[in-house]
Amino acid sequence: METFNVSQIGMEKLFSWELCEFRKNPSLEVVKQLFAKFDQLFSIKIGYEQLGGRINKTKENKEHLLKVLILPEIPLHNNAEFAARATVRKRDVSLQTIIDEGTKANDNLMKIFQTPKELGMSTYQYIFDGVSNKLEMLSLAQLIREKSSLSGKSELSTQSEEDIIYLK
């Protein structure tokens, strides 16, 4: 692993631009270059443990994240970034949490609120359905599978199933 270098800060922007360019003109040589560049970008070593863990987790998801190199028609966007904005905003307003368990609890609560909203349904109705034990609505995992199969992207979803909080 190489050490973090300030000159690499803009590399992720360049990488995103190159992915967009690849979609316009796909080639096997560019695929090889982008896989190598991804490995270089996510092999940096830093002294901050939590960020280092995130970098490693991203590298572990390499195949999924670079699926656009195999299927160029996949849209390039970051739904996770949009979902994270609400979480970060809440964290800022509530002046952070004191312990890691509090941060995890807040993140899970935000997932409960954001996922139904992203699926086009009322968060209030979804929570009420679970709390009242009516259980008339589908689980979030089932809704995500339905939406992704309707759009023809069976392996893509706004959140991974391990991130979904099940109320039922």
C-alpha atoms as a PDB file:
ATOM      1  CA  MET A   1       0.000   0.000   0.000  1.00  0.00           C
ATOM      2  CA  GLU A   2       1.194   3.468  -0.744  1.00  0.00           C
ATOM      3  CA  THR A   3       0.922   6.387   1.660  1.00  0.00           C
ATOM      4  CA  PHE A   4      -1.754   9.068   1.213  1.00  0.00           C
ATOM      5  CA  ASN A   5      -0.561  11.924  -0.945  1.00  0.00           C
ATOM      6  CA  VAL A   6      -2.225  15.324  -1.318  1.00  0.00           C
ATOM      7  CA  SER A   7      -1.902  15.070  -5.102  1.00  0.00           C
ATOM      8  CA  GLN A   8      -4.357  12.148  -5.023  1.00  0.00           C
ATOM      9  CA  ILE A   9      -7.212  14.238  -3.588  1.00  0.00           C
ATOM     10  CA  GLY A  10      -8.529  15.177  -7.033  1.00  0.00           C
ATOM     11  CA  MET A  11      -7.996  11.676  -8.418  1.00  0.00           C
ATOM     12  CA  GLU A  12     -11.543  10.516  -7.581  1.00  0.00           C
ATOM     13  CA  LYS A  13     -12.985  13.382  -9.646  1.00  0.00           C
ATOM     14  CA  LEU A  14     -10.756  12.430 -12.564  1.00  0.00           C
ATOM     15  CA  PHE A  15     -11.803   8.792 -12.129  1.00  0.00           C
ATOM     16  CA  SER A  16     -15.514   9.723 -12.272  1.00  0.00           C
ATOM     17  CA  TRP A  17     -14.904  11.777 -15.413  1.00  0.00           C
ATOM     18  CA  GLU A  18     -13.082   8.863 -17.028  1.00  0.00           C
ATOM     19  CA  LEU A  19     -16.017   6.542 -16.227  1.00  0.00           C
ATOM     20  CA  CYS A  20     -18.365   8.992 -17.951  1.00  0.00           C
ATOM     21  CA  GLU A  21     -16.068   9.131 -20.972  1.00  0.00           C
ATOM     22  CA  PHE A  22     -15.855   5.323 -21.032  1.00  0.00           C
ATOM     23  CA  ARG A  23     -19.646   5.095 -21.283  1.00  0.00           C
ATOM     24  CA  LYS A  24     -19.500   7.205 -24.440  1.00  0.00           C
ATOM     25  CA  ASN A  25     -16.722   5.145 -26.039  1.00  0.00           C
ATOM     26  CA  PRO A  26     -16.186   1.740 -24.338  1.00  0.00           C
ATOM     27  CA  SER A  27     -12.972  -0.195 -25.004  1.00  0.00           C
ATOM     28  CA  LEU A  28     -11.170  -3.120 -23.387  1.00  0.00           C
ATOM     29  CA  GLU A  29      -7.952  -1.114 -22.949  1.00  0.00           C
ATOM     30  CA  VAL A  30      -9.794   1.598 -20.997  1.00  0.00           C
ATOM     31  CA  VAL A  31     -11.413  -1.090 -18.820  1.00  0.00           C
ATOM     32  CA  LYS A  32      -7.966  -2.386 -17.830  1.00  0.00           C
ATOM     33  CA  GLN A  33      -6.722   1.144 -17.107  1.00  0.00           C
ATOM     34  CA  LEU A  34      -9.759   2.006 -14.971  1.00  0.00           C
ATOM     35  CA  PHE A  35      -9.490  -1.206 -12.926  1.00  0.00           C
ATOM     36  CA  ALA A  36      -5.820  -0.401 -12.252  1.00  0.00           C
ATOM     37  CA  LYS A  37      -6.624   3.214 -11.383  1.00  0.00           C
ATOM     38  CA  PHE A  38      -9.369   2.056  -8.975  1.00  0.00           C
ATOM     39  CA  ASP A  39      -6.862  -0.228  -7.223  1.00  0.00           C
ATOM     40  CA  GLN A  40      -4.406   2.661  -6.940  1.00  0.00           C
ATOM     41  CA  LEU A  41      -7.028   5.087  -5.623  1.00  0.00           C
ATOM     42  CA  PHE A  42      -8.383   2.710  -2.982  1.00  0.00           C
ATOM     43  CA  SER A  43      -5.039   1.314  -1.814  1.00  0.00           C
ATOM     44  CA  ILE A  44      -3.962   4.488  -0.061  1.00  0.00           C
ATOM     45  CA  LYS A  45      -2.976   4.166   3.587  1.00  0.00           C
ATOM     46  CA  ILE A  46      -3.945   6.854   6.055  1.00  0.00           C
ATOM     47  CA  GLY A  47      -3.699   7.250   9.815  1.00  0.00           C
ATOM     48  CA  TYR A  48      -7.425   7.765  10.442  1.00  0.00           C
ATOM     49  CA  GLU A  49      -8.890   4.340  11.319  1.00  0.00           C
ATOM     50  CA  GLN A  50     -12.565   4.958  10.444  1.00  0.00           C
ATOM     51  CA  LEU A  51     -11.763   6.512   7.064  1.00  0.00           C
ATOM     52  CA  GLY A  52      -9.255   3.752   6.358  1.00  0.00           C
ATOM     53  CA  GLY A  53     -11.997   1.208   7.077  1.00  0.00           C
ATOM     54  CA  ARG A  54     -14.330   2.967   4.627  1.00  0.00           C
ATOM     55  CA  ILE A  55     -11.626   2.982   1.977  1.00  0.00           C
ATOM     56  CA  ASN A  56     -11.106  -0.777   2.471  1.00  0.00           C
ATOM     57  CA  LYS A  57     -14.861  -1.417   2.348  1.00  0.00           C
ATOM     58  CA  THR A  58     -15.072   0.524  -0.919  1.00  0.00           C
ATOM     59  CA  LYS A  59     -12.209  -1.520  -2.365  1.00  0.00           C
ATOM     60  CA  GLU A  60     -14.005  -4.743  -1.344  1.00  0.00           C
ATOM     61  CA  ASN A  61     -17.030  -3.586  -3.391  1.00  0.00           C
ATOM     62  CA  LYS A  62     -14.881  -3.045  -6.480  1.00  0.00           C
ATOM     63  CA  GLU A  63     -16.808  -5.488  -8.678  1.00  0.00           C
ATOM     64  CA  HIS A  64     -20.153  -3.885  -7.883  1.00  0.00           C
ATOM     65  CA  LEU A  65     -18.858  -0.315  -8.124  1.00  0.00           C
ATOM     66  CA  LEU A  66     -17.199  -0.900 -11.501  1.00  0.00           C
ATOM     67  CA  LYS A  67     -20.135  -2.779 -13.009  1.00  0.00           C
ATOM     68  CA  VAL A  68     -20.452   0.113 -15.466  1.00  0.00           C
ATOM     69  CA  LEU A  69     -17.291  -1.200 -17.142  1.00  0.00           C
ATOM     70  CA  ILE A  70     -19.163  -4.416 -17.965  1.00  0.00           C
ATOM     71  CA  LEU A  71     -22.589  -2.832 -18.565  1.00  0.00           C
ATOM     72  CA  PRO A  72     -22.003   0.750 -19.823  1.00  0.00           C
ATOM     73  CA  GLU A  73     -25.767   1.447 -19.885  1.00  0.00           C
ATOM     74  CA  ILE A  74     -25.873   1.499 -16.056  1.00  0.00           C
ATOM     75  CA  PRO A  75     -26.421   5.090 -14.893  1.00  0.00           C
ATOM     76  CA  LEU A  76     -23.577   6.726 -13.002  1.00  0.00           C
ATOM     77  CA  HIS A  77     -24.951   8.286  -9.848  1.00  0.00           C
ATOM     78  CA  ASN A  78     -24.554   8.022  -6.124  1.00  0.00           C
ATOM     79  CA  ASN A  79     -27.905   7.451  -4.429  1.00  0.00           C
ATOM     80  CA  ALA A  80     -26.047   6.836  -1.190  1.00  0.00           C
ATOM     81  CA  GLU A  81     -24.772  10.404  -1.247  1.00  0.00           C
ATOM     82  CA  PHE A  82     -28.315  11.762  -1.405  1.00  0.00           C
ATOM     83  CA  ALA A  83     -29.425   9.523   1.478  1.00  0.00           C
ATOM     84  CA  ALA A  84     -26.371  10.503   3.521  1.00  0.00           C
ATOM     85  CA  ARG A  85     -27.170  14.213   3.260  1.00  0.00           C
ATOM     86  CA  ALA A  86     -30.223  13.876   5.513  1.00  0.00           C
ATOM     87  CA  THR A  87     -28.232  11.865   8.050  1.00  0.00           C
ATOM     88  CA  VAL A  88     -25.354  14.340   8.100  1.00  0.00           C
ATOM     89  CA  ARG A  89     -27.738  17.292   8.360  1.00  0.00           C
ATOM     90  CA  LYS A  90     -29.542  15.708  11.331  1.00  0.00           C
ATOM     91  CA  ARG A  91     -26.209  14.959  12.967  1.00  0.00           C
ATOM     92  CA  ASP A  92     -25.145  18.603  12.562  1.00  0.00           C
ATOM     93  CA  VAL A  93     -28.421  19.960  13.932  1.00  0.00           C
ATOM     94  CA  SER A  94     -28.415  17.643  16.949  1.00  0.00           C
ATOM     95  CA  LEU A  95     -24.769  18.491  17.695  1.00  0.00           C
ATOM     96  CA  GLN A  96     -23.459  14.980  17.056  1.00  0.00           C
ATOM     97  CA  THR A  97     -23.789  11.923  19.270  1.00  0.00           C
ATOM     98  CA  ILE A  98     -21.614  11.073  22.209  1.00  0.00           C
ATOM     99  CA  ILE A  99     -21.012   7.362  21.613  1.00  0.00           C
ATOM    100  CA  ASP A 100     -20.785   5.125  18.524  1.00  0.00           C
ATOM    101  CA  GLU A 101     -24.002   3.299  19.469  1.00  0.00           C
ATOM    102  CA  GLY A 102     -25.863   6.624  19.354  1.00  0.00           C
ATOM    103  CA  THR A 103     -24.472   7.350  15.892  1.00  0.00           C
ATOM    104  CA  LYS A 104     -25.534   3.895  14.679  1.00  0.00           C
ATOM    105  CA  ALA A 105     -29.015   4.334  16.189  1.00  0.00           C
ATOM    106  CA  ASN A 106     -29.404   7.726  14.473  1.00  0.00           C
ATOM    107  CA  ASP A 107     -28.195   6.296  11.154  1.00  0.00           C
ATOM    108  CA  ASN A 108     -30.670   3.415  11.406  1.00  0.00           C
ATOM    109  CA  LEU A 109     -33.505   5.795  12.226  1.00  0.00           C
ATOM    110  CA  MET A 110     -32.653   7.923   9.204  1.00  0.00           C
ATOM    111  CA  LYS A 111     -32.661   4.787   7.023  1.00  0.00           C
ATOM    112  CA  ILE A 112     -36.132   3.976   8.299  1.00  0.00           C
ATOM    113  CA  PHE A 113     -37.273   7.476   7.299  1.00  0.00           C
ATOM    114  CA  GLN A 114     -35.419   7.790   3.996  1.00  0.00           C
ATOM    115  CA  THR A 115     -35.970   4.374   2.388  1.00  0.00           C
ATOM    116  CA  PRO A 116     -39.799   4.549   2.130  1.00  0.00           C
ATOM    117  CA  LYS A 117     -39.480   8.133   0.892  1.00  0.00           C
ATOM    118  CA  GLU A 118     -37.063   7.030  -1.857  1.00  0.00           C
ATOM    119  CA  LEU A 119     -39.498   4.260  -2.808  1.00  0.00           C
ATOM    120  CA  GLY A 120     -42.301   6.823  -3.253  1.00  0.00           C
ATOM    121  CA  MET A 121     -44.372   5.911  -0.236  1.00  0.00           C
ATOM    122  CA  SER A 122     -45.333   7.636   2.991  1.00  0.00           C
ATOM    123  CA  THR A 123     -42.868   6.993   5.800  1.00  0.00           C
ATOM    124  CA  TYR A 124     -45.627   7.688   8.322  1.00  0.00           C
ATOM    125  CA  GLN A 125     -47.959   5.098   6.765  1.00  0.00           C
ATOM    126  CA  TYR A 126     -45.140   2.548   6.587  1.00  0.00           C
ATOM    127  CA  ILE A 127     -44.191   2.993  10.256  1.00  0.00           C
ATOM    128  CA  PHE A 128     -47.849   3.051  11.335  1.00  0.00           C
ATOM    129  CA  ASP A 129     -48.444  -0.209   9.452  1.00  0.00           C
ATOM    130  CA  GLY A 130     -45.598  -1.896  11.352  1.00  0.00           C
ATOM    131  CA  VAL A 131     -46.315  -0.403  14.778  1.00  0.00           C
ATOM    132  CA  SER A 132     -50.057  -1.109  14.590  1.00  0.00           C
ATOM    133  CA  ASN A 133     -49.329  -4.728  13.555  1.00  0.00           C
ATOM    134  CA  LYS A 134     -51.596  -4.393  10.501  1.00  0.00           C
ATOM    135  CA  LEU A 135     -48.694  -5.559   8.290  1.00  0.00           C
ATOM    136  CA  GLU A 136     -50.624  -4.765   5.115  1.00  0.00           C
ATOM    137  CA  MET A 137     -47.649  -3.160   3.360  1.00  0.00           C
ATOM    138  CA  LEU A 138     -44.738  -5.033   1.806  1.00  0.00           C
ATOM    139  CA  SER A 139     -41.367  -5.014   3.570  1.00  0.00           C
ATOM    140  CA  LEU A 140     -38.807  -2.503   2.331  1.00  0.00           C
ATOM    141  CA  ALA A 141     -36.694  -5.333   0.898  1.00  0.00           C
ATOM    142  CA  GLN A 142     -39.669  -6.591  -1.156  1.00  0.00           C
ATOM    143  CA  LEU A 143     -40.439  -3.066  -2.371  1.00  0.00           C
ATOM    144  CA  ILE A 144     -36.827  -2.538  -3.449  1.00  0.00           C
ATOM    145  CA  ARG A 145     -36.787  -5.872  -5.298  1.00  0.00           C
ATOM    146  CA  GLU A 146     -40.055  -4.981  -7.075  1.00  0.00           C
ATOM    147  CA  LYS A 147     -38.809  -1.526  -8.086  1.00  0.00           C
ATOM    148  CA  SER A 148     -35.475  -2.840  -9.299  1.00  0.00           C
ATOM    149  CA  SER A 149     -37.085  -5.654 -11.301  1.00  0.00           C
ATOM    150  CA  LEU A 150     -39.503  -3.169 -12.896  1.00  0.00           C
ATOM    151  CA  SER A 151     -36.618  -0.967 -13.978  1.00  0.00           C
ATOM    152  CA  GLY A 152     -34.689  -3.976 -15.291  1.00  0.00           C
ATOM    153  CA  LYS A 153     -31.826  -3.566 -12.849  1.00  0.00           C
ATOM    154  CA  SER A 154     -32.223  -6.578 -10.601  1.00  0.00           C
ATOM    155  CA  GLU A 155     -28.832  -6.147  -8.929  1.00  0.00           C
ATOM    156  CA  LEU A 156     -29.131  -2.427  -8.303  1.00  0.00           C
ATOM    157  CA  SER A 157     -31.026  -0.765  -5.479  1.00  0.00           C
ATOM    158  CA  THR A 158     -30.924   2.513  -3.612  1.00  0.00           C
ATOM    159  CA  GLN A 159     -29.549   0.732  -0.556  1.00  0.00           C
ATOM    160  CA  SER A 160     -28.049  -2.675   0.002  1.00  0.00           C
ATOM    161  CA  GLU A 161     -30.260  -5.219   1.732  1.00  0.00           C
ATOM    162  CA  GLU A 162     -27.909  -5.340   4.711  1.00  0.00           C
ATOM    163  CA  ASP A 163     -28.553  -1.609   5.231  1.00  0.00           C
ATOM    164  CA  ILE A 164     -32.333  -1.973   5.276  1.00  0.00           C
ATOM    165  CA  ILE A 165     -34.083  -1.891   8.614  1.00  0.00           C
ATOM    166  CA  TYR A 166     -36.919  -4.405   8.736  1.00  0.00           C
ATOM    167  CA  LEU A 167     -39.983  -3.371  10.716  1.00  0.00           C
ATOM    168  CA  LYS A 168     -41.869  -6.559   9.969  1.00  0.00           C
END
